[in-house]
Amino acid sequence: MVRWVGDELHYEAGATAIGVTTDEVLARRTGVCQDYSHLLVALCRASGIPARYVSGYFCRR
């Protein structure tokens, strides 16, 4: 799935903004790193693989 997402999308800085759906990303075939991540998470979940996207997570020990 990771390879497919990488092959299908073209990275373009500023191509999308917050709130873009995976359907829109697939239609445009372009996006930024969070679009790649969100699409991969959606594919994993649709395939029964637990996945989630966490942004800005910092763990202190």
Protein backbone atom coordinates (compact mmCIF):
# COMPACT_ATOMS: atom_id res chain seq x y z
CA MET A 1 0.00 0.00 0.00
CA VAL A 2 2.84 2.38 0.80
CA ARG A 3 4.37 1.83 -2.63
CA TRP A 4 1.01 2.28 -4.35
CA VAL A 5 0.37 5.60 -2.58
CA GLY A 6 3.86 6.79 -3.49
CA ASP A 7 3.38 5.77 -7.11
CA GLU A 8 -0.10 7.27 -7.43
CA LEU A 9 0.45 10.69 -5.86
CA HIS A 10 2.71 13.54 -6.90
CA TYR A 11 4.16 15.61 -4.04
CA GLU A 12 3.57 19.32 -4.49
CA ALA A 13 4.19 21.76 -1.66
CA GLY A 14 1.08 23.81 -0.94
CA ALA A 15 -1.11 21.66 -3.17
CA THR A 16 -3.71 21.09 -0.46
CA ALA A 17 -4.85 22.55 2.85
CA ILE A 18 -6.32 21.18 6.06
CA GLY A 19 -9.69 19.56 5.50
CA VAL A 20 -9.04 18.01 2.10
CA THR A 21 -10.65 14.59 1.84
CA THR A 22 -8.98 11.43 0.59
CA ASP A 23 -11.42 11.47 -2.34
CA GLU A 24 -10.15 14.91 -3.34
CA VAL A 25 -6.52 13.81 -3.03
CA LEU A 26 -7.20 10.78 -5.23
CA ALA A 27 -8.97 12.93 -7.81
CA ARG A 28 -6.12 15.45 -7.94
CA ARG A 29 -3.37 12.83 -7.69
CA THR A 30 -1.27 15.45 -5.89
CA GLY A 31 -0.76 16.44 -2.29
CA VAL A 32 1.55 16.99 0.65
CA CYS A 33 2.90 14.62 3.29
CA GLN A 34 -0.24 14.63 5.44
CA ASP A 35 -2.30 13.69 2.36
CA TYR A 36 -0.05 10.69 1.78
CA SER A 37 -0.46 9.70 5.42
CA HIS A 38 -4.23 10.14 5.48
CA LEU A 39 -4.66 8.12 2.29
CA LEU A 40 -2.49 5.31 3.63
CA VAL A 41 -4.41 5.27 6.92
CA ALA A 42 -7.71 5.07 5.01
CA LEU A 43 -6.41 2.17 2.91
CA CYS A 44 -5.15 0.33 5.97
CA ARG A 45 -8.46 0.73 7.79
CA ALA A 46 -10.42 -0.38 4.72
CA SER A 47 -8.23 -3.50 4.65
CA GLY A 48 -8.82 -4.26 8.33
CA ILE A 49 -5.38 -3.03 9.47
CA PRO A 50 -5.62 -0.76 12.52
CA ALA A 51 -4.02 2.60 11.79
CA ARG A 52 -4.19 6.24 12.88
CA TYR A 53 -2.57 9.56 12.11
CA VAL A 54 -1.05 11.57 14.94
CA SER A 55 0.32 15.03 14.28
CA GLY A 56 2.61 16.90 16.62
CA TYR A 57 2.75 14.11 19.18
CA PHE A 58 5.47 14.48 21.78
CA CYS A 59 6.04 11.92 24.54
CA ARG A 60 7.98 12.93 27.64
CA ARG A 61 9.38 10.26 29.90
